């Protein structure tokens, strides 16, 4: 198994097709590679591959991710879209471990999110979890701010100060996901 990191522009047509198949999001199933590259231009992709360069597991890093907490914007790299080609083989965990080591070496402030039913997976991967804190992040949906659908914040690598800020999120102290207009 080999760990690879690629910018969106460097992905092959076959890799894009395989990523979309693994993600299995109906709205994206017919996405063309040119649109994929444009849509995910602020991203990089992390892979675990076999010796034949087939994707065993993939995750995406979104660099266009800013949380506003108490009138201050905090940019993070956001880890999203983790999926394994074969369940229960350890590929997802191996990718998470390589990924965590990568962002620590690069000193890249990186967080992710998960639902409560995935806590045990991330605990086995030794990822710090801020339980029930993702619900304190509001996202703009039309004219309204709604709570995130995720439960927990995953700490892949971030400063102690930022971790404390995230851990202090509450109903009275929300974070707001800021998007480019």
N, C-alpha and C. Protein backbone atom coordinates (compact mmCIF):
# COMPACT_ATOMS: atom_id res chain seq x y z
N UNK A 1 0.85 -1.19 0.00
CA UNK A 1 0.00 0.00 0.00
C UNK A 1 0.89 1.24 0.00
N UNK A 2 0.43 2.24 -0.76
CA UNK A 2 1.17 3.49 -0.85
C UNK A 2 0.24 4.66 -0.54
N UNK A 3 0.80 5.65 0.14
CA UNK A 3 0.07 6.88 0.46
C UNK A 3 0.47 7.94 -0.55
N UNK A 4 -0.54 8.61 -1.13
CA UNK A 4 -0.30 9.66 -2.12
C UNK A 4 -1.14 10.88 -1.78
N UNK A 5 -0.62 12.05 -2.14
CA UNK A 5 -1.37 13.30 -2.05
C UNK A 5 -1.33 13.94 -3.43
N UNK A 6 -2.49 14.37 -3.92
CA UNK A 6 -2.56 15.01 -5.23
C UNK A 6 -3.44 16.25 -5.16
N UNK A 7 -3.01 17.28 -5.88
CA UNK A 7 -3.87 18.44 -6.08
C UNK A 7 -4.95 18.04 -7.08
N UNK A 8 -6.06 18.74 -7.03
CA UNK A 8 -7.19 18.42 -7.90
C UNK A 8 -6.77 18.42 -9.37
N UNK A 9 -5.98 19.40 -9.76
CA UNK A 9 -5.59 19.53 -11.17
C UNK A 9 -4.74 18.35 -11.66
N UNK A 10 -4.13 17.61 -10.74
CA UNK A 10 -3.26 16.49 -11.11
C UNK A 10 -3.96 15.13 -11.13
N UNK A 11 -5.24 15.11 -10.83
CA UNK A 11 -5.99 13.84 -10.84
C UNK A 11 -6.24 13.39 -12.28
N UNK A 12 -6.14 12.10 -12.51
CA UNK A 12 -6.45 11.55 -13.83
C UNK A 12 -7.96 11.41 -13.98
N UNK A 13 -8.38 11.24 -15.23
CA UNK A 13 -9.81 11.02 -15.50
C UNK A 13 -10.30 9.78 -14.74
N UNK A 14 -9.50 8.72 -14.77
CA UNK A 14 -9.89 7.47 -14.10
C UNK A 14 -10.00 7.67 -12.59
N UNK A 15 -9.09 8.44 -12.00
CA UNK A 15 -9.15 8.69 -10.55
C UNK A 15 -10.39 9.49 -10.19
N UNK A 16 -10.71 10.50 -10.99
CA UNK A 16 -11.92 11.30 -10.73
C UNK A 16 -13.16 10.40 -10.80
N UNK A 17 -13.22 9.58 -11.83
CA UNK A 17 -14.36 8.66 -11.98
C UNK A 17 -14.47 7.73 -10.77
N UNK A 18 -13.33 7.18 -10.33
CA UNK A 18 -13.34 6.25 -9.19
C UNK A 18 -13.73 6.97 -7.90
N UNK A 19 -13.23 8.19 -7.68
CA UNK A 19 -13.60 8.97 -6.49
C UNK A 19 -15.11 9.18 -6.46
N UNK A 20 -15.68 9.60 -7.58
CA UNK A 20 -17.12 9.84 -7.63
C UNK A 20 -17.91 8.55 -7.38
N UNK A 21 -17.42 7.43 -7.89
CA UNK A 21 -18.08 6.14 -7.62
C UNK A 21 -18.02 5.80 -6.14
N UNK A 22 -16.87 6.03 -5.52
CA UNK A 22 -16.72 5.72 -4.09
C UNK A 22 -17.59 6.64 -3.24
N UNK A 23 -17.63 7.91 -3.58
CA UNK A 23 -18.46 8.85 -2.81
C UNK A 23 -19.94 8.53 -2.97
N UNK A 24 -20.36 8.12 -4.15
CA UNK A 24 -21.73 7.70 -4.41
C UNK A 24 -22.76 8.73 -3.97
N UNK A 25 -22.57 9.97 -4.44
CA UNK A 25 -23.53 11.05 -4.18
C UNK A 25 -24.30 11.27 -5.48
N UNK A 26 -25.59 10.99 -5.46
CA UNK A 26 -26.38 10.96 -6.69
C UNK A 26 -26.25 12.25 -7.51
N UNK A 27 -26.23 13.40 -6.86
CA UNK A 27 -26.14 14.67 -7.58
C UNK A 27 -24.80 14.83 -8.31
N UNK A 28 -23.80 14.08 -7.90
CA UNK A 28 -22.47 14.20 -8.51
C UNK A 28 -22.15 13.07 -9.48
N UNK A 29 -23.01 12.07 -9.59
CA UNK A 29 -22.70 10.88 -10.40
C UNK A 29 -22.39 11.19 -11.86
N UNK A 30 -22.98 12.23 -12.40
CA UNK A 30 -22.76 12.56 -13.81
C UNK A 30 -21.77 13.72 -13.98
N UNK A 31 -21.10 14.11 -12.91
CA UNK A 31 -20.17 15.23 -12.96
C UNK A 31 -19.01 14.92 -13.91
N UNK A 32 -18.74 15.85 -14.81
CA UNK A 32 -17.62 15.71 -15.74
C UNK A 32 -16.33 16.12 -15.04
N UNK A 33 -15.21 15.59 -15.51
CA UNK A 33 -13.93 15.84 -14.85
C UNK A 33 -13.55 17.32 -14.87
N UNK A 34 -13.88 18.05 -15.93
CA UNK A 34 -13.55 19.48 -15.97
C UNK A 34 -14.32 20.23 -14.88
N UNK A 35 -15.59 19.88 -14.69
CA UNK A 35 -16.37 20.52 -13.63
C UNK A 35 -15.87 20.08 -12.26
N UNK A 36 -15.51 18.82 -12.09
CA UNK A 36 -14.95 18.31 -10.84
C UNK A 36 -13.72 19.14 -10.45
N UNK A 37 -12.82 19.35 -11.41
CA UNK A 37 -11.59 20.12 -11.14
C UNK A 37 -11.91 21.55 -10.73
N UNK A 38 -12.92 22.14 -11.34
CA UNK A 38 -13.33 23.50 -10.99
C UNK A 38 -14.02 23.53 -9.62
N UNK A 39 -14.93 22.59 -9.41
CA UNK A 39 -15.72 22.53 -8.18
C UNK A 39 -14.84 22.29 -6.95
N UNK A 40 -13.80 21.48 -7.11
CA UNK A 40 -12.92 21.13 -6.00
C UNK A 40 -11.54 21.78 -6.13
N UNK A 41 -11.50 22.96 -6.74
CA UNK A 41 -10.21 23.62 -7.00
C UNK A 41 -9.46 23.99 -5.72
N UNK A 42 -10.15 24.23 -4.63
CA UNK A 42 -9.51 24.59 -3.36
C UNK A 42 -9.31 23.35 -2.49
N UNK A 43 -9.01 22.23 -3.12
CA UNK A 43 -8.89 20.95 -2.40
C UNK A 43 -7.62 20.22 -2.80
N UNK A 44 -7.28 19.25 -1.97
CA UNK A 44 -6.28 18.25 -2.36
C UNK A 44 -6.84 16.91 -1.93
N UNK A 45 -6.34 15.85 -2.57
CA UNK A 45 -6.86 14.52 -2.32
C UNK A 45 -5.76 13.64 -1.75
N UNK A 46 -6.12 12.86 -0.74
CA UNK A 46 -5.20 11.94 -0.07
C UNK A 46 -5.69 10.53 -0.36
N UNK A 47 -4.76 9.69 -0.79
CA UNK A 47 -5.10 8.33 -1.21
C UNK A 47 -4.27 7.29 -0.51
N UNK A 48 -4.87 6.14 -0.33
CA UNK A 48 -4.14 4.91 -0.05
C UNK A 48 -4.36 4.06 -1.30
N UNK A 49 -3.26 3.65 -1.94
CA UNK A 49 -3.37 2.91 -3.20
C UNK A 49 -2.65 1.58 -3.09
N UNK A 50 -3.12 0.63 -3.89
CA UNK A 50 -2.41 -0.65 -3.95
C UNK A 50 -1.25 -0.53 -4.94
N UNK A 51 -0.52 -1.59 -5.12
CA UNK A 51 0.67 -1.56 -5.98
C UNK A 51 0.32 -1.29 -7.45
N UNK A 52 -0.94 -1.52 -7.83
CA UNK A 52 -1.37 -1.25 -9.21
C UNK A 52 -1.98 0.14 -9.36
N UNK A 53 -1.82 0.98 -8.31
CA UNK A 53 -2.34 2.35 -8.31
C UNK A 53 -3.87 2.41 -8.24
N UNK A 54 -4.52 1.34 -7.84
CA UNK A 54 -5.97 1.38 -7.61
C UNK A 54 -6.23 2.01 -6.25
N UNK A 55 -7.28 2.82 -6.17
CA UNK A 55 -7.61 3.53 -4.94
C UNK A 55 -8.22 2.55 -3.94
N UNK A 56 -7.59 2.46 -2.76
CA UNK A 56 -8.14 1.65 -1.67
C UNK A 56 -8.96 2.50 -0.71
N UNK A 57 -8.54 3.77 -0.54
CA UNK A 57 -9.27 4.72 0.32
C UNK A 57 -8.90 6.12 -0.15
N UNK A 58 -9.83 7.05 0.04
CA UNK A 58 -9.61 8.43 -0.38
C UNK A 58 -10.24 9.37 0.64
N UNK A 59 -9.63 10.55 0.80
CA UNK A 59 -10.26 11.64 1.53
C UNK A 59 -9.84 12.94 0.89
N UNK A 60 -10.64 13.96 1.09
CA UNK A 60 -10.40 15.26 0.48
C UNK A 60 -10.10 16.27 1.57
N UNK A 61 -9.23 17.22 1.26
CA UNK A 61 -8.99 18.35 2.15
C UNK A 61 -9.53 19.59 1.46
N UNK A 62 -10.45 20.26 2.13
CA UNK A 62 -11.04 21.50 1.64
C UNK A 62 -10.29 22.66 2.30
N UNK A 63 -9.63 23.48 1.47
CA UNK A 63 -8.89 24.62 2.01
C UNK A 63 -9.73 25.89 2.08
N UNK A 64 -10.96 25.82 1.60
CA UNK A 64 -11.87 26.97 1.64
C UNK A 64 -12.85 26.77 2.80
N UNK A 65 -12.32 26.85 4.03
CA UNK A 65 -13.14 26.56 5.21
C UNK A 65 -12.78 27.54 6.31
N UNK A 66 -13.72 28.42 6.64
CA UNK A 66 -13.50 29.42 7.68
C UNK A 66 -14.67 29.42 8.64
N UNK A 67 -14.35 29.36 9.93
CA UNK A 67 -15.36 29.48 10.98
C UNK A 67 -15.23 30.84 11.63
N UNK A 68 -16.36 31.51 11.79
CA UNK A 68 -16.37 32.76 12.53
C UNK A 68 -16.81 32.46 13.95
N UNK A 69 -15.92 32.79 14.89
CA UNK A 69 -16.21 32.58 16.31
C UNK A 69 -15.99 33.91 17.00
N UNK A 70 -17.04 34.44 17.61
CA UNK A 70 -16.96 35.72 18.33
C UNK A 70 -16.29 36.81 17.47
N UNK A 71 -16.83 37.02 16.28
CA UNK A 71 -16.40 38.09 15.37
C UNK A 71 -15.00 37.92 14.79
N UNK A 72 -14.38 36.77 14.95
CA UNK A 72 -13.07 36.52 14.37
C UNK A 72 -13.15 35.31 13.45
N UNK A 73 -12.54 35.43 12.27
CA UNK A 73 -12.52 34.32 11.32
C UNK A 73 -11.30 33.43 11.55
N UNK A 74 -11.52 32.14 11.58
CA UNK A 74 -10.45 31.15 11.75
C UNK A 74 -10.49 30.19 10.56
N UNK A 75 -9.43 30.19 9.77
CA UNK A 75 -9.36 29.27 8.64
C UNK A 75 -8.74 27.95 9.07
N UNK A 76 -9.33 26.89 8.61
CA UNK A 76 -8.84 25.54 8.86
C UNK A 76 -8.80 24.80 7.53
N UNK A 77 -8.00 23.77 7.47
CA UNK A 77 -8.15 22.77 6.42
C UNK A 77 -9.21 21.81 6.95
N UNK A 78 -10.17 21.46 6.10
CA UNK A 78 -11.27 20.59 6.52
C UNK A 78 -11.12 19.23 5.84
N UNK A 79 -11.00 18.19 6.64
CA UNK A 79 -10.92 16.82 6.13
C UNK A 79 -12.34 16.30 5.91
N UNK A 80 -12.62 15.90 4.67
CA UNK A 80 -13.97 15.43 4.31
C UNK A 80 -13.88 14.25 3.35
N UNK A 81 -15.00 13.58 3.16
CA UNK A 81 -15.13 12.60 2.10
C UNK A 81 -14.29 11.34 2.25
N UNK A 82 -14.04 10.93 3.50
CA UNK A 82 -13.28 9.69 3.71
C UNK A 82 -14.15 8.50 3.32
N UNK A 83 -13.63 7.68 2.42
CA UNK A 83 -14.34 6.46 2.03
C UNK A 83 -13.30 5.42 1.62
N UNK A 84 -13.63 4.19 1.94
CA UNK A 84 -12.76 3.07 1.61
C UNK A 84 -13.42 2.24 0.51
N UNK A 85 -12.61 1.72 -0.40
CA UNK A 85 -13.14 0.89 -1.49
C UNK A 85 -13.65 -0.45 -0.97
N UNK A 86 -13.08 -0.93 0.12
CA UNK A 86 -13.47 -2.22 0.71
C UNK A 86 -13.61 -2.04 2.22
N UNK A 87 -14.76 -2.35 2.75
CA UNK A 87 -15.02 -2.17 4.18
C UNK A 87 -14.30 -3.22 5.01
N UNK A 88 -13.95 -2.82 6.23
CA UNK A 88 -13.38 -3.73 7.24
C UNK A 88 -12.04 -4.37 6.84
N UNK A 89 -11.28 -3.66 6.01
CA UNK A 89 -9.95 -4.16 5.62
C UNK A 89 -8.84 -3.33 6.24
N UNK A 90 -9.20 -2.23 6.93
CA UNK A 90 -8.20 -1.38 7.56
C UNK A 90 -7.67 -0.27 6.67
N UNK A 91 -8.20 -0.15 5.44
CA UNK A 91 -7.70 0.87 4.52
C UNK A 91 -8.04 2.29 4.98
N UNK A 92 -9.26 2.48 5.46
CA UNK A 92 -9.65 3.80 5.95
C UNK A 92 -8.80 4.23 7.13
N UNK A 93 -8.59 3.32 8.07
CA UNK A 93 -7.76 3.63 9.25
C UNK A 93 -6.32 3.91 8.84
N UNK A 94 -5.79 3.15 7.90
CA UNK A 94 -4.42 3.38 7.43
C UNK A 94 -4.31 4.75 6.77
N UNK A 95 -5.32 5.13 5.98
CA UNK A 95 -5.30 6.45 5.35
C UNK A 95 -5.38 7.54 6.40
N UNK A 96 -6.26 7.40 7.39
CA UNK A 96 -6.38 8.41 8.45
C UNK A 96 -5.05 8.57 9.18
N UNK A 97 -4.37 7.49 9.48
CA UNK A 97 -3.08 7.58 10.18
C UNK A 97 -2.03 8.28 9.33
N UNK A 98 -1.94 7.94 8.05
CA UNK A 98 -1.01 8.63 7.15
C UNK A 98 -1.36 10.10 7.00
N UNK A 99 -2.66 10.38 6.89
CA UNK A 99 -3.14 11.75 6.74
C UNK A 99 -2.78 12.59 7.96
N UNK A 100 -3.04 12.05 9.15
CA UNK A 100 -2.73 12.78 10.38
C UNK A 100 -1.24 13.11 10.45
N UNK A 101 -0.40 12.14 10.14
CA UNK A 101 1.05 12.36 10.14
C UNK A 101 1.43 13.45 9.13
N UNK A 102 0.79 13.45 7.96
CA UNK A 102 1.06 14.44 6.92
C UNK A 102 0.73 15.85 7.38
N UNK A 103 -0.47 16.05 7.97
CA UNK A 103 -0.85 17.41 8.37
C UNK A 103 -0.04 17.89 9.57
N UNK A 104 0.40 16.98 10.43
CA UNK A 104 1.28 17.37 11.54
C UNK A 104 2.63 17.82 10.98
N UNK A 105 3.20 17.05 10.06
CA UNK A 105 4.49 17.42 9.46
C UNK A 105 4.41 18.76 8.73
N UNK A 106 3.28 19.03 8.09
CA UNK A 106 3.10 20.28 7.35
C UNK A 106 2.60 21.41 8.25
N UNK A 107 2.34 21.11 9.52
CA UNK A 107 1.76 22.06 10.47
C UNK A 107 0.49 22.71 9.89
N UNK A 108 -0.37 21.88 9.35
CA UNK A 108 -1.60 22.31 8.71
C UNK A 108 -2.75 22.15 9.71
N UNK A 109 -3.32 23.26 10.12
CA UNK A 109 -4.42 23.23 11.09
C UNK A 109 -5.62 22.56 10.43
N UNK A 110 -5.92 21.34 10.85
CA UNK A 110 -6.90 20.52 10.15
C UNK A 110 -7.91 19.91 11.11
N UNK A 111 -9.18 20.11 10.77
CA UNK A 111 -10.27 19.51 11.53
C UNK A 111 -11.18 18.76 10.57
N UNK A 112 -12.04 17.95 11.13
CA UNK A 112 -13.05 17.25 10.35
C UNK A 112 -14.29 17.10 11.21
N UNK A 113 -15.25 16.39 10.70
CA UNK A 113 -16.52 16.23 11.39
C UNK A 113 -17.03 14.81 11.22
N UNK A 114 -17.83 14.36 12.17
CA UNK A 114 -18.43 13.03 12.03
C UNK A 114 -19.74 12.96 12.81
N UNK A 115 -20.52 11.96 12.45
CA UNK A 115 -21.72 11.62 13.20
C UNK A 115 -21.30 10.74 14.38
N UNK A 116 -22.11 10.72 15.41
CA UNK A 116 -21.79 9.98 16.64
C UNK A 116 -21.51 8.50 16.37
N UNK A 117 -22.17 7.91 15.38
CA UNK A 117 -21.97 6.48 15.13
C UNK A 117 -20.58 6.15 14.56
N UNK A 118 -19.81 7.17 14.18
CA UNK A 118 -18.45 6.94 13.68
C UNK A 118 -17.38 7.24 14.72
N UNK A 119 -17.79 7.61 15.92
CA UNK A 119 -16.82 7.94 16.98
C UNK A 119 -15.82 6.81 17.22
N UNK A 120 -16.32 5.58 17.31
CA UNK A 120 -15.43 4.47 17.65
C UNK A 120 -14.35 4.27 16.59
N UNK A 121 -14.68 4.49 15.32
CA UNK A 121 -13.67 4.39 14.26
C UNK A 121 -12.55 5.41 14.49
N UNK A 122 -12.93 6.66 14.73
CA UNK A 122 -11.91 7.70 14.91
C UNK A 122 -11.15 7.53 16.23
N UNK A 123 -11.82 7.01 17.25
CA UNK A 123 -11.12 6.72 18.50
C UNK A 123 -10.05 5.66 18.27
N UNK A 124 -10.37 4.62 17.49
CA UNK A 124 -9.38 3.57 17.16
C UNK A 124 -8.21 4.15 16.37
N UNK A 125 -8.48 5.20 15.60
CA UNK A 125 -7.43 5.86 14.82
C UNK A 125 -6.67 6.90 15.64
N UNK A 126 -7.00 7.02 16.93
CA UNK A 126 -6.35 7.96 17.83
C UNK A 126 -6.52 9.42 17.40
N UNK A 127 -7.73 9.73 16.91
CA UNK A 127 -8.08 11.10 16.55
C UNK A 127 -8.86 11.70 17.72
N UNK A 128 -8.42 12.86 18.17
CA UNK A 128 -9.13 13.53 19.27
C UNK A 128 -10.49 13.99 18.79
N UNK A 129 -11.50 13.76 19.61
CA UNK A 129 -12.89 14.07 19.26
C UNK A 129 -13.45 15.07 20.27
N UNK A 130 -14.01 16.16 19.74
CA UNK A 130 -14.75 17.10 20.59
C UNK A 130 -16.22 16.73 20.44
N UNK A 131 -16.71 15.98 21.41
CA UNK A 131 -18.06 15.41 21.35
C UNK A 131 -19.13 16.49 21.32
N UNK A 132 -20.07 16.32 20.41
CA UNK A 132 -21.28 17.16 20.29
C UNK A 132 -20.98 18.63 20.03
N UNK A 133 -19.78 18.96 19.58
CA UNK A 133 -19.44 20.36 19.31
C UNK A 133 -19.78 20.79 17.89
N UNK A 134 -19.87 19.86 16.95
CA UNK A 134 -20.20 20.23 15.57
C UNK A 134 -21.61 20.81 15.48
N UNK A 135 -22.49 20.36 16.36
CA UNK A 135 -23.86 20.88 16.37
C UNK A 135 -23.92 22.38 16.69
N UNK A 136 -22.83 22.90 17.24
CA UNK A 136 -22.78 24.31 17.61
C UNK A 136 -22.29 25.19 16.45
N UNK A 137 -22.06 24.55 15.30
CA UNK A 137 -21.65 25.29 14.11
C UNK A 137 -22.88 25.52 13.25
N UNK A 138 -23.11 26.77 12.91
CA UNK A 138 -24.26 27.15 12.09
C UNK A 138 -23.82 27.32 10.64
N UNK A 139 -24.66 26.83 9.74
CA UNK A 139 -24.41 26.96 8.30
C UNK A 139 -25.56 27.74 7.68
N UNK A 140 -25.24 28.58 6.71
CA UNK A 140 -26.25 29.38 6.03
C UNK A 140 -26.98 28.52 5.01
N UNK A 141 -28.30 28.42 5.19
CA UNK A 141 -29.15 27.73 4.24
C UNK A 141 -30.23 28.73 3.84
N UNK A 142 -30.04 29.33 2.67
CA UNK A 142 -30.93 30.40 2.26
C UNK A 142 -30.79 31.57 3.23
N UNK A 143 -31.91 32.09 3.72
CA UNK A 143 -31.83 33.23 4.65
C UNK A 143 -31.60 32.82 6.11
N UNK A 144 -31.56 31.53 6.38
CA UNK A 144 -31.48 31.05 7.77
C UNK A 144 -30.13 30.45 8.10
N UNK A 145 -29.79 30.46 9.41
CA UNK A 145 -28.61 29.77 9.94
C UNK A 145 -29.11 28.52 10.64
N UNK A 146 -28.64 27.36 10.18
CA UNK A 146 -29.09 26.10 10.76
C UNK A 146 -27.90 25.35 11.34
N UNK A 147 -28.19 24.49 12.32
CA UNK A 147 -27.13 23.70 12.95
C UNK A 147 -26.57 22.67 11.97
N UNK A 148 -25.30 22.40 12.09
CA UNK A 148 -24.64 21.37 11.30
C UNK A 148 -25.31 20.03 11.54
N UNK A 149 -25.30 19.17 10.54
CA UNK A 149 -25.87 17.83 10.69
C UNK A 149 -24.93 16.89 11.43
N UNK A 150 -23.63 17.23 11.47
CA UNK A 150 -22.66 16.39 12.16
C UNK A 150 -22.78 16.56 13.67
N UNK A 151 -22.23 15.61 14.40
CA UNK A 151 -22.24 15.67 15.86
C UNK A 151 -20.93 16.19 16.43
N UNK A 152 -19.82 15.64 15.94
CA UNK A 152 -18.52 15.86 16.59
C UNK A 152 -17.53 16.58 15.68
N UNK A 153 -16.58 17.25 16.32
CA UNK A 153 -15.44 17.84 15.62
C UNK A 153 -14.25 16.91 15.83
N UNK A 154 -13.56 16.60 14.75
CA UNK A 154 -12.36 15.76 14.79
C UNK A 154 -11.14 16.66 14.72
N UNK A 155 -10.21 16.47 15.63
CA UNK A 155 -8.98 17.26 15.64
C UNK A 155 -7.85 16.42 15.04
N UNK A 156 -7.50 16.72 13.80
CA UNK A 156 -6.37 16.04 13.17
C UNK A 156 -5.07 16.73 13.57
N UNK A 157 -5.09 18.07 13.55
CA UNK A 157 -3.93 18.85 14.00
C UNK A 157 -4.38 20.30 14.10
N UNK A 158 -4.22 20.88 15.26
CA UNK A 158 -4.50 22.30 15.43
C UNK A 158 -3.82 22.79 16.70
N UNK A 159 -3.70 24.09 16.83
CA UNK A 159 -3.06 24.66 18.01
C UNK A 159 -3.94 24.44 19.24
N UNK A 160 -3.32 24.48 20.39
CA UNK A 160 -4.06 24.33 21.64
C UNK A 160 -5.11 25.45 21.77
N UNK A 161 -4.73 26.66 21.36
CA UNK A 161 -5.65 27.81 21.45
C UNK A 161 -6.90 27.57 20.60
N UNK A 162 -6.71 27.12 19.38
CA UNK A 162 -7.86 26.88 18.50
C UNK A 162 -8.70 25.70 19.00
N UNK A 163 -8.04 24.68 19.53
CA UNK A 163 -8.77 23.54 20.08
C UNK A 163 -9.66 24.01 21.24
N UNK A 164 -9.11 24.87 22.09
CA UNK A 164 -9.90 25.40 23.21
C UNK A 164 -11.07 26.22 22.71
N UNK A 165 -10.86 27.03 21.67
CA UNK A 165 -11.97 27.81 21.09
C UNK A 165 -13.08 26.89 20.60
N UNK A 166 -12.71 25.83 19.91
CA UNK A 166 -13.71 24.88 19.41
C UNK A 166 -14.40 24.15 20.55
N UNK A 167 -13.66 23.83 21.59
CA UNK A 167 -14.22 23.11 22.73
C UNK A 167 -15.17 23.99 23.54
N UNK A 168 -15.05 25.31 23.40
CA UNK A 168 -15.92 26.23 24.14
C UNK A 168 -17.22 26.54 23.39
N UNK A 169 -17.38 25.98 22.20
CA UNK A 169 -18.62 26.22 21.47
C UNK A 169 -19.80 25.67 22.26
N UNK A 170 -20.90 26.42 22.22
CA UNK A 170 -22.10 26.04 22.97
C UNK A 170 -23.31 26.70 22.31
N UNK A 171 -24.47 26.45 22.87
CA UNK A 171 -25.69 27.07 22.35
C UNK A 171 -25.58 28.60 22.44
N UNK A 172 -24.89 29.09 23.46
CA UNK A 172 -24.70 30.53 23.63
C UNK A 172 -23.47 31.05 22.88
N UNK A 173 -22.63 30.16 22.39
CA UNK A 173 -21.38 30.55 21.73
C UNK A 173 -21.20 29.71 20.46
N UNK A 174 -21.97 30.06 19.43
CA UNK A 174 -21.92 29.31 18.18
C UNK A 174 -20.75 29.76 17.31
N UNK A 175 -20.37 28.89 16.39
CA UNK A 175 -19.46 29.25 15.30
C UNK A 175 -20.32 29.30 14.04
N UNK A 176 -19.88 30.11 13.08
CA UNK A 176 -20.62 30.27 11.83
C UNK A 176 -19.70 29.93 10.66
N UNK A 177 -20.16 29.03 9.80
CA UNK A 177 -19.39 28.66 8.62
C UNK A 177 -19.52 29.78 7.60
N UNK A 178 -18.38 30.37 7.25
CA UNK A 178 -18.37 31.48 6.31
C UNK A 178 -18.06 30.95 4.92
N UNK A 179 -18.86 31.34 3.96
CA UNK A 179 -18.64 30.91 2.58
C UNK A 179 -18.31 32.11 1.72
N UNK A 180 -17.55 31.86 0.65
CA UNK A 180 -17.22 32.94 -0.28
C UNK A 180 -18.47 33.35 -1.02
N UNK A 181 -18.66 34.63 -1.12
CA UNK A 181 -19.86 35.15 -1.82
C UNK A 181 -19.62 35.20 -3.31
